[in-house]
């Protein structure tokens, strides 16, 4: 069974009993939802624009004999090309977070 720390429980009880804390909690969740939406759209752009185009270019440029001979190398390259858009999206999200934090301060 999952044990929840007492501090966590008491903080949430306080949140739900104080009208100002509930308002602040809602504002924080709205900001988090907006950040998640931005991150999702950035991920989709990087994944569909770069990931699939690189994969289709790579798949059409390689002959079947070459794929049988260098199966392991091609597998590693495919994994890298599928993970590359995700890594680029994470880097861009971190960059945007750093820029928005400096603007908010």
PDB file of N, CA and C in Angstrom:
ATOM      1  N   UNK A   1       0.845  -1.184   0.000  1.00  0.00           N
ATOM      2  CA  UNK A   1       0.000   0.000   0.000  1.00  0.00           C
ATOM      3  C   UNK A   1       0.885   1.239   0.000  1.00  0.00           C
ATOM      4  N   UNK A   2       0.468   2.246  -0.720  1.00  0.00           N
ATOM      5  CA  UNK A   2       1.219   3.484  -0.843  1.00  0.00           C
ATOM      6  C   UNK A   2       1.027   4.339   0.397  1.00  0.00           C
ATOM      7  N   UNK A   3       2.137   4.772   0.997  1.00  0.00           N
ATOM      8  CA  UNK A   3       2.066   5.629   2.171  1.00  0.00           C
ATOM      9  C   UNK A   3       2.283   7.072   1.741  1.00  0.00           C
ATOM     10  N   UNK A   4       1.353   7.929   2.102  1.00  0.00           N
ATOM     11  CA  UNK A   4       1.446   9.344   1.761  1.00  0.00           C
ATOM     12  C   UNK A   4       1.969  10.090   2.982  1.00  0.00           C
ATOM     13  N   UNK A   5       2.986  10.930   2.814  1.00  0.00           N
ATOM     14  CA  UNK A   5       3.512  11.679   3.963  1.00  0.00           C
ATOM     15  C   UNK A   5       2.455  12.601   4.565  1.00  0.00           C
ATOM     16  N   UNK A   6       2.542  12.831   5.873  1.00  0.00           N
ATOM     17  CA  UNK A   6       1.563  13.668   6.559  1.00  0.00           C
ATOM     18  C   UNK A   6       1.617  15.113   6.075  1.00  0.00           C
ATOM     19  N   UNK A   7       2.784  15.581   5.739  1.00  0.00           N
ATOM     20  CA  UNK A   7       2.920  16.960   5.266  1.00  0.00           C
ATOM     21  C   UNK A   7       2.126  17.148   3.980  1.00  0.00           C
ATOM     22  N   UNK A   8       2.212  16.204   3.094  1.00  0.00           N
ATOM     23  CA  UNK A   8       1.496  16.270   1.823  1.00  0.00           C
ATOM     24  C   UNK A   8      -0.012  16.291   2.056  1.00  0.00           C
ATOM     25  N   UNK A   9      -0.495  15.424   2.933  1.00  0.00           N
ATOM     26  CA  UNK A   9      -1.929  15.350   3.214  1.00  0.00           C
ATOM     27  C   UNK A   9      -2.403  16.630   3.874  1.00  0.00           C
ATOM     28  N   UNK A  10      -1.671  17.122   4.861  1.00  0.00           N
ATOM     29  CA  UNK A  10      -2.107  18.333   5.555  1.00  0.00           C
ATOM     30  C   UNK A  10      -2.076  19.539   4.616  1.00  0.00           C
ATOM     31  N   UNK A  11      -1.126  19.598   3.705  1.00  0.00           N
ATOM     32  CA  UNK A  11      -1.063  20.703   2.749  1.00  0.00           C
ATOM     33  C   UNK A  11      -2.283  20.699   1.837  1.00  0.00           C
ATOM     34  N   UNK A  12      -2.704  19.530   1.374  1.00  0.00           N
ATOM     35  CA  UNK A  12      -3.870  19.470   0.502  1.00  0.00           C
ATOM     36  C   UNK A  12      -5.164  19.717   1.264  1.00  0.00           C
ATOM     37  N   UNK A  13      -5.239  19.325   2.526  1.00  0.00           N
ATOM     38  CA  UNK A  13      -6.416  19.660   3.330  1.00  0.00           C
ATOM     39  C   UNK A  13      -6.495  21.171   3.491  1.00  0.00           C
ATOM     40  N   UNK A  14      -5.358  21.810   3.727  1.00  0.00           N
ATOM     41  CA  UNK A  14      -5.328  23.265   3.826  1.00  0.00           C
ATOM     42  C   UNK A  14      -5.748  23.903   2.503  1.00  0.00           C
ATOM     43  N   UNK A  15      -5.291  23.352   1.404  1.00  0.00           N
ATOM     44  CA  UNK A  15      -5.651  23.899   0.095  1.00  0.00           C
ATOM     45  C   UNK A  15      -7.153  23.876  -0.133  1.00  0.00           C
ATOM     46  N   UNK A  16      -7.800  22.810   0.247  1.00  0.00           N
ATOM     47  CA  UNK A  16      -9.223  22.692  -0.033  1.00  0.00           C
ATOM     48  C   UNK A  16     -10.092  23.424   0.979  1.00  0.00           C
ATOM     49  N   UNK A  17      -9.526  23.894   2.083  1.00  0.00           N
ATOM     50  CA  UNK A  17     -10.315  24.640   3.055  1.00  0.00           C
ATOM     51  C   UNK A  17     -10.115  26.144   2.947  1.00  0.00           C
ATOM     52  N   UNK A  18      -9.141  26.571   2.234  1.00  0.00           N
ATOM     53  CA  UNK A  18      -8.884  27.997   2.102  1.00  0.00           C
ATOM     54  C   UNK A  18      -9.266  28.454   0.701  1.00  0.00           C
ATOM     55  N   UNK A  19     -10.125  29.462   0.604  1.00  0.00           N
ATOM     56  CA  UNK A  19     -10.577  29.889  -0.723  1.00  0.00           C
ATOM     57  C   UNK A  19      -9.450  30.532  -1.518  1.00  0.00           C
ATOM     58  N   UNK A  20      -8.524  31.219  -0.855  1.00  0.00           N
ATOM     59  CA  UNK A  20      -7.406  31.824  -1.581  1.00  0.00           C
ATOM     60  C   UNK A  20      -6.445  30.757  -2.082  1.00  0.00           C
ATOM     61  N   UNK A  21      -6.226  29.752  -1.277  1.00  0.00           N
ATOM     62  CA  UNK A  21      -5.325  28.680  -1.688  1.00  0.00           C
ATOM     63  C   UNK A  21      -5.910  27.901  -2.859  1.00  0.00           C
ATOM     64  N   UNK A  22      -7.217  27.707  -2.858  1.00  0.00           N
ATOM     65  CA  UNK A  22      -7.845  27.006  -3.986  1.00  0.00           C
ATOM     66  C   UNK A  22      -7.685  27.819  -5.259  1.00  0.00           C
ATOM     67  N   UNK A  23      -7.857  29.125  -5.165  1.00  0.00           N
ATOM     68  CA  UNK A  23      -7.681  29.967  -6.348  1.00  0.00           C
ATOM     69  C   UNK A  23      -6.243  29.880  -6.859  1.00  0.00           C
ATOM     70  N   UNK A  24      -5.274  29.957  -5.937  1.00  0.00           N
ATOM     71  CA  UNK A  24      -3.869  29.850  -6.335  1.00  0.00           C
ATOM     72  C   UNK A  24      -3.579  28.481  -6.937  1.00  0.00           C
ATOM     73  N   UNK A  25      -4.165  27.449  -6.359  1.00  0.00           N
ATOM     74  CA  UNK A  25      -3.958  26.096  -6.866  1.00  0.00           C
ATOM     75  C   UNK A  25      -4.506  25.970  -8.284  1.00  0.00           C
ATOM     76  N   UNK A  26      -5.672  26.570  -8.554  1.00  0.00           N
ATOM     77  CA  UNK A  26      -6.246  26.521  -9.901  1.00  0.00           C
ATOM     78  C   UNK A  26      -5.373  27.269 -10.896  1.00  0.00           C
ATOM     79  N   UNK A  27      -4.833  28.427 -10.478  1.00  0.00           N
ATOM     80  CA  UNK A  27      -3.969  29.186 -11.383  1.00  0.00           C
ATOM     81  C   UNK A  27      -2.723  28.389 -11.736  1.00  0.00           C
ATOM     82  N   UNK A  28      -2.166  27.714 -10.754  1.00  0.00           N
ATOM     83  CA  UNK A  28      -0.968  26.909 -10.999  1.00  0.00           C
ATOM     84  C   UNK A  28      -1.284  25.762 -11.941  1.00  0.00           C
ATOM     85  N   UNK A  29      -2.421  25.103 -11.750  1.00  0.00           N
ATOM     86  CA  UNK A  29      -2.756  23.987 -12.636  1.00  0.00           C
ATOM     87  C   UNK A  29      -3.041  24.471 -14.052  1.00  0.00           C
ATOM     88  N   UNK A  30      -3.612  25.660 -14.208  1.00  0.00           N
ATOM     89  CA  UNK A  30      -3.847  26.192 -15.551  1.00  0.00           C
ATOM     90  C   UNK A  30      -2.523  26.473 -16.251  1.00  0.00           C
ATOM     91  N   UNK A  31      -1.559  27.032 -15.518  1.00  0.00           N
ATOM     92  CA  UNK A  31      -0.247  27.282 -16.117  1.00  0.00           C
ATOM     93  C   UNK A  31       0.415  25.975 -16.523  1.00  0.00           C
ATOM     94  N   UNK A  32       0.297  24.963 -15.674  1.00  0.00           N
ATOM     95  CA  UNK A  32       0.888  23.672 -16.013  1.00  0.00           C
ATOM     96  C   UNK A  32       0.210  23.066 -17.232  1.00  0.00           C
ATOM     97  N   UNK A  33      -1.098  23.228 -17.356  1.00  0.00           N
ATOM     98  CA  UNK A  33      -1.806  22.693 -18.519  1.00  0.00           C
ATOM     99  C   UNK A  33      -1.363  23.403 -19.792  1.00  0.00           C
ATOM    100  N   UNK A  34      -1.162  24.719 -19.709  1.00  0.00           N
ATOM    101  CA  UNK A  34      -0.694  25.457 -20.885  1.00  0.00           C
ATOM    102  C   UNK A  34       0.709  25.018 -21.281  1.00  0.00           C
ATOM    103  N   UNK A  35       1.570  24.796 -20.294  1.00  0.00           N
ATOM    104  CA  UNK A  35       2.926  24.326 -20.596  1.00  0.00           C
ATOM    105  C   UNK A  35       2.890  22.939 -21.232  1.00  0.00           C
ATOM    106  N   UNK A  36       2.017  22.075 -20.706  1.00  0.00           N
ATOM    107  CA  UNK A  36       1.921  20.733 -21.276  1.00  0.00           C
ATOM    108  C   UNK A  36       1.416  20.776 -22.709  1.00  0.00           C
ATOM    109  N   UNK A  37       0.457  21.666 -22.994  1.00  0.00           N
ATOM    110  CA  UNK A  37      -0.033  21.794 -24.366  1.00  0.00           C
ATOM    111  C   UNK A  37       1.083  22.250 -25.295  1.00  0.00           C
ATOM    112  N   UNK A  38       1.855  23.241 -24.856  1.00  0.00           N
ATOM    113  CA  UNK A  38       2.956  23.735 -25.685  1.00  0.00           C
ATOM    114  C   UNK A  38       3.970  22.626 -25.933  1.00  0.00           C
ATOM    115  N   UNK A  39       4.299  21.893 -24.892  1.00  0.00           N
ATOM    116  CA  UNK A  39       5.275  20.811 -25.045  1.00  0.00           C
ATOM    117  C   UNK A  39       4.761  19.727 -25.981  1.00  0.00           C
ATOM    118  N   UNK A  40       3.486  19.425 -25.890  1.00  0.00           N
ATOM    119  CA  UNK A  40       2.911  18.405 -26.760  1.00  0.00           C
ATOM    120  C   UNK A  40       2.961  18.846 -28.216  1.00  0.00           C
ATOM    121  N   UNK A  41       2.605  20.107 -28.486  1.00  0.00           N
ATOM    122  CA  UNK A  41       2.635  20.595 -29.867  1.00  0.00           C
ATOM    123  C   UNK A  41       4.058  20.647 -30.407  1.00  0.00           C
ATOM    124  N   UNK A  42       5.005  21.047 -29.582  1.00  0.00           N
ATOM    125  CA  UNK A  42       6.404  21.075 -30.015  1.00  0.00           C
ATOM    126  C   UNK A  42       6.875  19.663 -30.331  1.00  0.00           C
ATOM    127  N   UNK A  43       6.505  18.706 -29.478  1.00  0.00           N
ATOM    128  CA  UNK A  43       6.883  17.318 -29.727  1.00  0.00           C
ATOM    129  C   UNK A  43       6.284  16.819 -31.036  1.00  0.00           C
ATOM    130  N   UNK A  44       5.007  17.127 -31.281  1.00  0.00           N
ATOM    131  CA  UNK A  44       4.374  16.679 -32.520  1.00  0.00           C
ATOM    132  C   UNK A  44       5.062  17.258 -33.750  1.00  0.00           C
ATOM    133  N   UNK A  45       5.402  18.535 -33.683  1.00  0.00           N
ATOM    134  CA  UNK A  45       6.069  19.168 -34.824  1.00  0.00           C
ATOM    135  C   UNK A  45       7.401  18.494 -35.098  1.00  0.00           C
ATOM    136  N   UNK A  46       8.204  18.326 -34.054  1.00  0.00           N
ATOM    137  CA  UNK A  46       9.508  17.700 -34.260  1.00  0.00           C
ATOM    138  C   UNK A  46       9.372  16.254 -34.703  1.00  0.00           C
ATOM    139  N   UNK A  47       8.422  15.529 -34.115  1.00  0.00           N
ATOM    140  CA  UNK A  47       8.307  14.118 -34.452  1.00  0.00           C
ATOM    141  C   UNK A  47       7.831  13.920 -35.880  1.00  0.00           C
ATOM    142  N   UNK A  48       6.781  14.617 -36.274  1.00  0.00           N
ATOM    143  CA  UNK A  48       6.232  14.396 -37.606  1.00  0.00           C
ATOM    144  C   UNK A  48       7.059  15.034 -38.704  1.00  0.00           C
ATOM    145  N   UNK A  49       7.600  16.211 -38.453  1.00  0.00           N
ATOM    146  CA  UNK A  49       8.376  16.855 -39.508  1.00  0.00           C
ATOM    147  C   UNK A  49       9.734  16.196 -39.707  1.00  0.00           C
ATOM    148  N   UNK A  50      10.418  15.926 -38.602  1.00  0.00           N
ATOM    149  CA  UNK A  50      11.779  15.418 -38.726  1.00  0.00           C
ATOM    150  C   UNK A  50      11.864  13.899 -38.642  1.00  0.00           C
ATOM    151  N   UNK A  51      11.162  13.307 -37.690  1.00  0.00           N
ATOM    152  CA  UNK A  51      11.277  11.865 -37.481  1.00  0.00           C
ATOM    153  C   UNK A  51      10.796  11.038 -38.652  1.00  0.00           C
ATOM    154  N   UNK A  52       9.604  11.305 -39.105  1.00  0.00           N
ATOM    155  CA  UNK A  52       9.058  10.490 -40.192  1.00  0.00           C
ATOM    156  C   UNK A  52       9.728  10.784 -41.528  1.00  0.00           C
ATOM    157  N   UNK A  53      10.072  12.049 -41.773  1.00  0.00           N
ATOM    158  CA  UNK A  53      10.743  12.350 -43.048  1.00  0.00           C
ATOM    159  C   UNK A  53      12.109  11.695 -43.110  1.00  0.00           C
ATOM    160  N   UNK A  54      12.850  11.737 -42.018  1.00  0.00           N
ATOM    161  CA  UNK A  54      14.163  11.085 -42.001  1.00  0.00           C
ATOM    162  C   UNK A  54      13.999   9.576 -42.182  1.00  0.00           C
ATOM    163  N   UNK A  55      12.993   9.004 -41.515  1.00  0.00           N
ATOM    164  CA  UNK A  55      12.784   7.561 -41.624  1.00  0.00           C
ATOM    165  C   UNK A  55      12.419   7.159 -43.052  1.00  0.00           C
ATOM    166  N   UNK A  56      11.521   7.889 -43.691  1.00  0.00           N
ATOM    167  CA  UNK A  56      11.120   7.535 -45.060  1.00  0.00           C
ATOM    168  C   UNK A  56      12.253   7.748 -46.054  1.00  0.00           C
ATOM    169  N   UNK A  57      13.027   8.799 -45.880  1.00  0.00           N
ATOM    170  CA  UNK A  57      14.184   9.002 -46.751  1.00  0.00           C
ATOM    171  C   UNK A  57      15.194   7.877 -46.570  1.00  0.00           C
ATOM    172  N   UNK A  58      15.414   7.501 -45.321  1.00  0.00           N
ATOM    173  CA  UNK A  58      16.363   6.442 -45.015  1.00  0.00           C
ATOM    174  C   UNK A  58      15.872   5.099 -45.549  1.00  0.00           C
ATOM    175  N   UNK A  59      14.591   4.838 -45.424  1.00  0.00           N
ATOM    176  CA  UNK A  59      14.022   3.564 -45.856  1.00  0.00           C
ATOM    177  C   UNK A  59      14.035   3.427 -47.378  1.00  0.00           C
ATOM    178  N   UNK A  60      13.782   4.504 -48.082  1.00  0.00           N
ATOM    179  CA  UNK A  60      13.739   4.417 -49.549  1.00  0.00           C
ATOM    180  C   UNK A  60      15.135   4.413 -50.171  1.00  0.00           C
ATOM    181  N   UNK A  61      16.130   4.920 -49.467  1.00  0.00           N
ATOM    182  CA  UNK A  61      17.472   5.018 -50.037  1.00  0.00           C
ATOM    183  C   UNK A  61      18.275   3.729 -49.898  1.00  0.00           C
ATOM    184  N   UNK A  62      17.830   2.806 -49.053  1.00  0.00           N
ATOM    185  CA  UNK A  62      18.609   1.599 -48.756  1.00  0.00           C
ATOM    186  C   UNK A  62      17.986   0.398 -49.475  1.00  0.00           C
ATOM    187  N   UNK A  63      18.837  -0.403 -50.108  1.00  0.00           N
ATOM    188  CA  UNK A  63      18.355  -1.583 -50.835  1.00  0.00           C
ATOM    189  C   UNK A  63      18.131  -2.760 -49.877  1.00  0.00           C
ATOM    190  N   UNK A  64      17.335  -3.768 -50.270  1.00  0.00           N
ATOM    191  CA  UNK A  64      17.076  -4.927 -49.404  1.00  0.00           C
ATOM    192  C   UNK A  64      18.331  -5.747 -49.091  1.00  0.00           C
ATOM    193  N   UNK A  65      19.264  -5.860 -50.039  1.00  0.00           N
ATOM    194  CA  UNK A  65      20.502  -6.597 -49.760  1.00  0.00           C
ATOM    195  C   UNK A  65      21.320  -5.904 -48.677  1.00  0.00           C
ATOM    196  N   UNK A  66      21.355  -4.610 -48.737  1.00  0.00           N
ATOM    197  CA  UNK A  66      22.095  -3.836 -47.742  1.00  0.00           C
ATOM    198  C   UNK A  66      21.463  -3.997 -46.360  1.00  0.00           C
ATOM    199  N   UNK A  67      20.145  -4.037 -46.302  1.00  0.00           N
ATOM    200  CA  UNK A  67      19.480  -4.189 -45.004  1.00  0.00           C
ATOM    201  C   UNK A  67      19.735  -5.561 -44.390  1.00  0.00           C
ATOM    202  N   UNK A  68      19.815  -6.597 -45.201  1.00  0.00           N
ATOM    203  CA  UNK A  68      20.118  -7.926 -44.659  1.00  0.00           C
ATOM    204  C   UNK A  68      21.547  -8.005 -44.154  1.00  0.00           C
ATOM    205  N   UNK A  69      22.453  -7.344 -44.830  1.00  0.00           N
ATOM    206  CA  UNK A  69      23.860  -7.447 -44.469  1.00  0.00           C
ATOM    207  C   UNK A  69      24.192  -6.621 -43.220  1.00  0.00           C
ATOM    208  N   UNK A  70      23.625  -5.441 -43.116  1.00  0.00           N
ATOM    209  CA  UNK A  70      23.946  -4.537 -42.005  1.00  0.00           C
ATOM    210  C   UNK A  70      22.718  -4.297 -41.137  1.00  0.00           C
ATOM    211  N   UNK A  71      22.127  -5.365 -40.660  1.00  0.00           N
ATOM    212  CA  UNK A  71      20.880  -5.281 -39.907  1.00  0.00           C
ATOM    213  C   UNK A  71      21.058  -4.551 -38.568  1.00  0.00           C
ATOM    214  N   UNK A  72      22.123  -4.836 -37.841  1.00  0.00           N
ATOM    215  CA  UNK A  72      22.330  -4.246 -36.515  1.00  0.00           C
ATOM    216  C   UNK A  72      22.625  -2.752 -36.628  1.00  0.00           C
ATOM    217  N   UNK A  73      23.475  -2.392 -37.563  1.00  0.00           N
ATOM    218  CA  UNK A  73      23.809  -0.978 -37.743  1.00  0.00           C
ATOM    219  C   UNK A  73      22.566  -0.184 -38.140  1.00  0.00           C
ATOM    220  N   UNK A  74      21.771  -0.747 -39.012  1.00  0.00           N
ATOM    221  CA  UNK A  74      20.549  -0.062 -39.435  1.00  0.00           C
ATOM    222  C   UNK A  74      19.538   0.054 -38.297  1.00  0.00           C
ATOM    223  N   UNK A  75      19.483  -0.965 -37.444  1.00  0.00           N
ATOM    224  CA  UNK A  75      18.589  -0.892 -36.289  1.00  0.00           C
ATOM    225  C   UNK A  75      19.004   0.241 -35.358  1.00  0.00           C
ATOM    226  N   UNK A  76      20.301   0.350 -35.111  1.00  0.00           N
ATOM    227  CA  UNK A  76      20.800   1.426 -34.244  1.00  0.00           C
ATOM    228  C   UNK A  76      20.490   2.792 -34.855  1.00  0.00           C
ATOM    229  N   UNK A  77      20.691   2.921 -36.153  1.00  0.00           N
ATOM    230  CA  UNK A  77      20.395   4.195 -36.811  1.00  0.00           C
ATOM    231  C   UNK A  77      18.903   4.524 -36.772  1.00  0.00           C
ATOM    232  N   UNK A  78      18.053   3.531 -36.945  1.00  0.00           N
ATOM    233  CA  UNK A  78      16.614   3.778 -36.863  1.00  0.00           C
ATOM    234  C   UNK A  78      16.205   4.219 -35.471  1.00  0.00           C
ATOM    235  N   UNK A  79      16.772   3.587 -34.443  1.00  0.00           N
ATOM    236  CA  UNK A  79      16.455   3.994 -33.070  1.00  0.00           C
ATOM    237  C   UNK A  79      16.887   5.436 -32.837  1.00  0.00           C
ATOM    238  N   UNK A  80      18.079   5.784 -33.335  1.00  0.00           N
ATOM    239  CA  UNK A  80      18.566   7.155 -33.173  1.00  0.00           C
ATOM    240  C   UNK A  80      17.656   8.133 -33.906  1.00  0.00           C
ATOM    241  N   UNK A  81      17.233   7.787 -35.106  1.00  0.00           N
ATOM    242  CA  UNK A  81      16.390   8.704 -35.869  1.00  0.00           C
ATOM    243  C   UNK A  81      14.981   8.812 -35.295  1.00  0.00           C
ATOM    244  N   UNK A  82      14.511   7.774 -34.617  1.00  0.00           N
ATOM    245  CA  UNK A  82      13.208   7.896 -33.979  1.00  0.00           C
ATOM    246  C   UNK A  82      13.305   8.655 -32.664  1.00  0.00           C
ATOM    247  N   UNK A  83      14.419   8.533 -31.958  1.00  0.00           N
ATOM    248  CA  UNK A  83      14.574   9.234 -30.690  1.00  0.00           C
ATOM    249  C   UNK A  83      15.083  10.656 -30.856  1.00  0.00           C
ATOM    250  N   UNK A  84      15.671  10.961 -31.993  1.00  0.00           N
ATOM    251  CA  UNK A  84      16.204  12.302 -32.212  1.00  0.00           C
ATOM    252  C   UNK A  84      15.133  13.392 -32.126  1.00  0.00           C
ATOM    253  N   UNK A  85      13.964  13.237 -32.726  1.00  0.00           N
ATOM    254  CA  UNK A  85      12.949  14.283 -32.570  1.00  0.00           C
ATOM    255  C   UNK A  85      12.514  14.485 -31.126  1.00  0.00           C
ATOM    256  N   UNK A  86      12.436  13.399 -30.354  1.00  0.00           N
ATOM    257  CA  UNK A  86      12.068  13.519 -28.955  1.00  0.00           C
ATOM    258  C   UNK A  86      13.121  14.300 -28.191  1.00  0.00           C
ATOM    259  N   UNK A  87      14.389  14.021 -28.445  1.00  0.00           N
ATOM    260  CA  UNK A  87      15.474  14.737 -27.773  1.00  0.00           C
ATOM    261  C   UNK A  87      15.461  16.208 -28.171  1.00  0.00           C
ATOM    262  N   UNK A  88      15.251  16.489 -29.449  1.00  0.00           N
ATOM    263  CA  UNK A  88      15.178  17.878 -29.894  1.00  0.00           C
ATOM    264  C   UNK A  88      14.005  18.607 -29.247  1.00  0.00           C
ATOM    265  N   UNK A  89      12.878  17.934 -29.108  1.00  0.00           N
ATOM    266  CA  UNK A  89      11.722  18.555 -28.463  1.00  0.00           C
ATOM    267  C   UNK A  89      12.010  18.848 -26.995  1.00  0.00           C
ATOM    268  N   UNK A  90      12.678  17.928 -26.308  1.00  0.00           N
ATOM    269  CA  UNK A  90      13.021  18.168 -24.904  1.00  0.00           C
ATOM    270  C   UNK A  90      13.994  19.330 -24.755  1.00  0.00           C
ATOM    271  N   UNK A  91      14.982  19.401 -25.640  1.00  0.00           N
ATOM    272  CA  UNK A  91      15.946  20.501 -25.585  1.00  0.00           C
ATOM    273  C   UNK A  91      15.244  21.831 -25.822  1.00  0.00           C
ATOM    274  N   UNK A  92      14.369  21.876 -26.806  1.00  0.00           N
ATOM    275  CA  UNK A  92      13.644  23.108 -27.101  1.00  0.00           C
ATOM    276  C   UNK A  92      12.711  23.492 -25.955  1.00  0.00           C
ATOM    277  N   UNK A  93      12.072  22.517 -25.333  1.00  0.00           N
ATOM    278  CA  UNK A  93      11.202  22.813 -24.190  1.00  0.00           C
ATOM    279  C   UNK A  93      11.985  23.377 -23.021  1.00  0.00           C
ATOM    280  N   UNK A  94      13.148  22.801 -22.737  1.00  0.00           N
ATOM    281  CA  UNK A  94      13.972  23.326 -21.652  1.00  0.00           C
ATOM    282  C   UNK A  94      14.443  24.735 -21.956  1.00  0.00           C
ATOM    283  N   UNK A  95      14.787  25.000 -23.199  1.00  0.00           N
ATOM    284  CA  UNK A  95      15.204  26.342 -23.600  1.00  0.00           C
ATOM    285  C   UNK A  95      14.057  27.341 -23.424  1.00  0.00           C
ATOM    286  N   UNK A  96      12.849  26.956 -23.827  1.00  0.00           N
ATOM    287  CA  UNK A  96      11.690  27.835 -23.671  1.00  0.00           C
ATOM    288  C   UNK A  96      11.390  28.070 -22.196  1.00  0.00           C
ATOM    289  N   UNK A  97      11.484  27.028 -21.369  1.00  0.00           N
ATOM    290  CA  UNK A  97      11.249  27.189 -19.935  1.00  0.00           C
ATOM    291  C   UNK A  97      12.239  28.162 -19.316  1.00  0.00           C
ATOM    292  N   UNK A  98      13.502  28.052 -19.686  1.00  0.00           N
ATOM    293  CA  UNK A  98      14.507  28.966 -19.138  1.00  0.00           C
ATOM    294  C   UNK A  98      14.232  30.399 -19.564  1.00  0.00           C
ATOM    295  N   UNK A  99      13.851  30.601 -20.816  1.00  0.00           N
ATOM    296  CA  UNK A  99      13.558  31.953 -21.300  1.00  0.00           C
ATOM    297  C   UNK A  99      12.314  32.527 -20.632  1.00  0.00           C
ATOM    298  N   UNK A 100      11.281  31.715 -20.441  1.00  0.00           N
ATOM    299  CA  UNK A 100      10.061  32.231 -19.817  1.00  0.00           C
ATOM    300  C   UNK A 100      10.269  32.487 -18.333  1.00  0.00           C
ATOM    301  N   UNK A 101      11.119  31.729 -17.669  1.00  0.00           N
ATOM    302  CA  UNK A 101      11.400  31.990 -16.254  1.00  0.00           C
ATOM    303  C   UNK A 101      12.114  33.315 -16.079  1.00  0.00           C
ATOM    304  N   UNK A 102      13.028  33.645 -16.980  1.00  0.00           N
ATOM    305  CA  UNK A 102      13.722  34.925 -16.858  1.00  0.00           C
ATOM    306  C   UNK A 102      12.783  36.086 -17.163  1.00  0.00           C
ATOM    307  N   UNK A 103      11.810  35.889 -18.039  1.00  0.00           N
ATOM    308  CA  UNK A 103      10.851  36.955 -18.344  1.00  0.00           C
ATOM    309  C   UNK A 103       9.884  37.156 -17.184  1.00  0.00           C
ATOM    310  N   UNK A 104       9.447  36.061 -16.538  1.00  0.00           N
ATOM    311  CA  UNK A 104       8.494  36.164 -15.436  1.00  0.00           C
ATOM    312  C   UNK A 104       9.089  36.849 -14.226  1.00  0.00           C
ATOM    313  N   UNK A 105      10.392  36.720 -14.012  1.00  0.00           N
ATOM    314  CA  UNK A 105      11.030  37.347 -12.847  1.00  0.00           C
ATOM    315  C   UNK A 105      11.186  38.801 -13.093  1.00  0.00           C
TER     316      UNK A 105
END
